[in-house]
Every structure is written in C-alpha cells, then in structure tokens.
Protein backbone atom coordinates (compact mmCIF):
# COMPACT_ATOMS: atom_id res chain seq x y z
CA MET A 1 -26.62 27.31 15.14
CA PHE A 2 -25.61 23.92 16.48
CA VAL A 3 -21.90 23.04 16.75
CA ILE A 4 -20.49 19.72 17.85
CA PHE A 5 -16.83 19.56 18.84
CA LEU A 6 -15.58 16.10 18.02
CA PHE A 7 -12.03 16.57 19.22
CA THR A 8 -9.44 19.00 20.42
CA LEU A 9 -6.19 19.04 18.50
CA TRP A 10 -2.72 19.82 19.77
CA PHE A 11 -0.10 19.67 17.06
CA GLU A 12 3.66 19.92 17.25
CA GLN A 13 6.07 19.30 14.44
CA VAL A 14 9.13 17.31 15.47
CA CYS A 15 11.58 15.58 13.16
CA ASP A 16 12.15 11.91 13.86
CA THR A 17 15.91 12.26 13.99
CA GLU A 18 18.35 11.38 16.74
CA ASN A 19 19.35 15.02 17.27
CA SER A 20 15.79 16.39 17.64
CA ASP A 21 15.12 17.58 21.19
CA ILE A 22 11.67 16.11 21.72
CA GLY A 23 12.11 16.63 25.47
CA VAL A 24 11.15 20.31 25.16
CA LEU A 25 7.58 19.16 24.37
CA PHE A 26 7.10 16.82 27.32
CA ASP A 27 5.58 19.27 29.83
CA GLU A 28 3.17 20.83 27.33
CA ALA A 29 2.17 17.44 25.93
CA CYS A 30 1.58 16.02 29.41
CA ASP A 31 -0.51 19.07 30.37
CA PHE A 32 -2.61 18.61 27.22
CA ILE A 33 -3.15 14.89 27.88
CA GLU A 34 -4.15 15.55 31.50
CA ASP A 35 -6.56 18.35 30.52
CA VAL A 36 -8.28 16.09 28.01
CA GLU A 37 -8.49 13.22 30.50
CA ARG A 38 -9.87 15.55 33.20
CA GLY A 39 -12.62 16.49 30.77
CA GLY A 40 -13.58 12.82 30.49
CA GLN A 41 -12.31 12.52 26.94
CA ARG A 42 -9.89 10.14 25.29
CA VAL A 43 -6.53 11.04 23.79
CA LEU A 44 -4.95 9.88 20.55
CA VAL A 45 -1.24 10.56 20.27
CA HIS A 46 0.13 9.83 16.84
CA CYS A 47 3.01 10.52 14.49
CA PHE A 48 3.69 9.40 10.92
CA GLU A 49 4.42 5.73 11.65
CA GLY A 50 3.08 5.72 15.20
CA LYS A 51 6.18 4.18 16.73
CA SER A 52 8.86 6.75 17.57
CA ARG A 53 7.73 10.32 18.32
CA SER A 54 4.28 9.44 19.67
CA VAL A 55 5.66 6.57 21.73
CA THR A 56 8.35 8.84 23.17
CA VAL A 57 5.74 11.40 24.27
CA LEU A 58 3.59 8.69 25.86
CA LEU A 59 6.55 7.14 27.67
CA ALA A 60 7.44 10.58 29.02
CA TYR A 61 3.81 11.07 30.12
CA LEU A 62 3.85 7.78 32.04
CA MET A 63 7.13 8.76 33.66
CA LEU A 64 6.26 12.39 34.47
CA ARG A 65 2.60 12.07 35.47
CA LYS A 66 2.15 8.44 36.53
CA ASN A 67 5.54 8.05 38.26
CA PHE A 68 6.64 5.09 36.12
CA THR A 69 10.31 4.32 35.63
CA LEU A 70 11.38 4.07 32.01
CA LEU A 71 11.44 0.28 32.33
CA GLU A 72 7.89 0.17 33.73
CA ALA A 73 6.63 2.57 31.06
CA TRP A 74 8.39 0.61 28.31
CA ASN A 75 6.96 -2.71 29.52
CA ALA A 76 3.45 -1.22 29.66
CA MET A 77 3.86 0.25 26.17
CA ARG A 78 5.15 -2.98 24.63
CA LYS A 79 2.12 -4.87 25.96
CA VAL A 80 -0.22 -2.69 23.90
CA HIS A 81 2.04 -1.57 21.05
CA ARG A 82 4.58 -4.16 19.92
CA ARG A 83 5.96 -1.96 17.10
CA ALA A 84 6.92 0.83 19.51
CA GLN A 85 10.50 1.92 18.85
CA PRO A 86 11.69 5.42 19.69
CA ASN A 87 14.82 6.39 17.80
CA ASP A 88 18.13 6.22 19.68
CA GLY A 89 18.25 9.97 20.33
CA PHE A 90 14.76 9.95 21.86
CA ALA A 91 15.72 6.90 23.93
CA LYS A 92 18.69 8.82 25.34
CA ILE A 93 16.39 11.72 26.31
CA LEU A 94 14.05 9.25 28.05
CA GLN A 95 16.98 7.69 29.91
CA GLU A 96 18.08 11.15 31.08
CA LEU A 97 14.52 11.82 32.27
CA ASP A 98 14.48 8.46 34.06
CA LYS A 99 17.71 9.35 35.89
CA LYS A 100 16.41 12.83 36.79
CA LEU A 101 13.12 11.45 38.15
CA HIS A 102 14.33 8.25 39.83
CA GLY A 103 18.02 8.79 40.49
CA LYS A 104 19.14 6.09 38.08
CA VAL A 105 18.47 4.70 34.64
CA SER A 106 16.14 1.73 34.97
CA MET A 107 16.95 0.12 31.61
CA GLU A 108 19.65 0.02 28.99
CA TRP A 109 18.53 0.83 25.48
CA GLN A 110 19.27 -1.57 22.66
CA ARG A 111 20.60 0.63 19.87
CA ARG A 112 18.94 -0.29 16.64
CA LYS A 113 20.79 0.25 13.45
CA PRO A 114 18.51 0.48 10.46
CA THR A 115 18.55 -2.59 8.28
CA MET A 116 18.20 -2.49 4.54
CA LYS A 117 14.93 -3.88 3.12
CA VAL A 118 15.70 -6.31 0.31
CA CYS A 119 13.21 -7.03 -2.46
CA PRO A 120 12.11 -10.66 -2.20
CA ILE A 121 11.58 -10.78 -5.98
CA CYS A 122 14.79 -9.37 -7.45
CA GLY A 123 17.08 -9.22 -4.40
CA LYS A 124 17.87 -5.51 -4.80
CA ASN A 125 18.20 -3.18 -1.83
CA ALA A 126 14.97 -1.16 -1.69
CA GLY A 127 15.66 1.24 1.19
CA LEU A 128 15.35 1.37 4.95
CA SER A 129 11.58 1.40 5.43
CA SER A 130 8.64 -0.83 4.52
CA SER A 131 7.22 2.03 2.49
CA SER A 132 10.40 2.17 0.38
CA LEU A 133 10.09 -1.58 -0.25
CA LYS A 134 6.43 -1.15 -1.20
CA LEU A 135 7.35 1.67 -3.60
CA HIS A 136 10.08 -0.50 -5.15
CA LEU A 137 7.59 -3.36 -5.61
CA GLN A 138 5.06 -1.05 -7.25
CA LYS A 139 7.60 0.52 -9.63
CA SER A 140 9.84 -2.41 -10.47
CA HIS A 141 7.41 -5.32 -10.39
CA LYS A 142 4.09 -3.81 -11.55
CA ARG A 143 2.68 -6.82 -13.29
CA LEU A 144 3.94 -9.30 -10.72
CA SER A 145 2.90 -7.59 -7.50
CA SER A 146 0.13 -5.43 -6.12
CA GLY A 147 2.88 -3.58 -4.29
CA SER A 148 2.27 -5.22 -0.96
CA VAL A 149 5.02 -7.01 0.90
CA ASP A 150 2.60 -9.92 1.47
CA SER A 151 2.02 -10.42 -2.25
CA ALA A 152 5.77 -10.24 -2.86
CA MET A 153 6.37 -12.87 -0.19
CA THR A 154 3.63 -15.07 -1.69
CA MET A 155 5.35 -14.78 -5.06
CA GLU A 156 8.73 -15.59 -3.52
CA ILE A 157 7.27 -18.70 -1.86
CA GLN A 158 5.67 -19.74 -5.16
CA LYS A 159 9.04 -19.28 -6.93
CA ALA A 160 10.71 -21.51 -4.31
CA LEU A 161 8.00 -24.15 -4.71
CA THR A 162 8.42 -24.06 -8.48
CA THR A 163 12.18 -24.42 -8.10
CA LEU A 164 11.63 -27.43 -5.83
CA ASN A 165 8.98 -28.75 -8.27
CA ILE A 166 6.24 -28.80 -5.62
CA SER A 167 2.63 -28.11 -6.48
CA ARG A 168 0.41 -26.05 -4.15
CA GLY A 169 -1.26 -28.93 -2.34
CA GLY A 170 1.17 -31.61 -3.34
CA SER A 171 4.16 -33.16 -1.74
CA VAL A 172 7.68 -33.89 -2.84
CA SER A 173 8.20 -37.34 -4.31
CA PRO A 174 11.08 -39.49 -2.97
CA LYS A 175 12.95 -38.90 -6.23
CA GLN A 176 12.47 -35.12 -5.88
CA ARG A 177 13.67 -35.24 -2.26
CA GLN A 178 16.91 -36.77 -3.44
CA THR A 179 17.53 -34.24 -6.18
CA HIS A 180 16.39 -31.06 -4.38
CA SER A 181 17.69 -30.58 -0.86
CA MET A 182 17.58 -27.28 1.00
CA THR A 183 21.39 -27.32 1.32
CA ASP A 184 22.09 -27.54 -2.45
C-alpha cells in the first residue's frame, strides 16, 4: 500500500464577529505553523473570505513568533494582501497583544463601518457584502446580468453612454456637449 500525504490540516471554527475571542487560538495556531515550517512544508491559512480571521491569525503569528510590532506585521501583510481587513474586535485583540509584547500599541486602528452595497442597475440596497450584491444581480436582473459586479458595471456605463447619446467608439458632438453636461 502506497500513501501520499499531500497536506496536514488544522481546523478551528471561529465566528467572524467583533465579540469572538480569536486570541485563544493564537498559541496553538502559531505552534502548528512553526511545526509545518520546521518540516520544510508550506502553510495555507484561510477563512471564508480570506481577509479577517486568517489575516488576524497571521498577524498574531508575525507578532508572537517573528517579534514584529502590529504596525510592522500590518505593513508586511498589506504588501502581499491588499484586501486584508480584520474586524474591529479582532483588531482590538491584536492591539492588546501588541501592548503586551512591546509595551505600547504601535498603530491606531481605523474602525470600519460596513457600507451598504447598492445595485448599479436599479439603485436598491443589496446588502453589506459583494456576495449579497451578486445574489441580488442574479435574482433581480437575470436577463440583464450574468450576476457579476463587472457585468453590472458595464451595463451601468452603457446606460450612461446611451443617456449621453454616445456610441461605443464615438465621441460627443459639439451640439451634444451643449445639451448634455455632467452637472445637469
């Protein structure tokens, strides 16, 4: 019998909410990452969207095992993962860890309030996430959109061009410029 182990899995279920105490996982997660690295393997840390829980664990790893401040860890993370955005509760836990490890908090956290996603076709509020906007596009605009935000934006641009009476490769005539200004 021949068995090939492709990967080792460590799984923890944590809610991506501000009151979840993700900090209780830091030591075990860091131990797991170090064990895998010691074995010459690579590590993939991921969560549903790959931007809050997984990022928080990796920032903690950089702080706990590589002696980074939160600011240094955050700057390193943002260089490779521009969508990284731990929720505000996780950010507070990281700031507390930063203070515990380095005697002070190295960065202030910009609280991010969720913003409503608005459908570019009908103008209705679709929810707080891109997936809720995609679902709205698929359900409410079946024949107009493939459900992607890009196709919806393309349609919105085409609608604006039609309103301004501009063809795809064409330009606006002087008469059209006078009758259709962006401030009307």
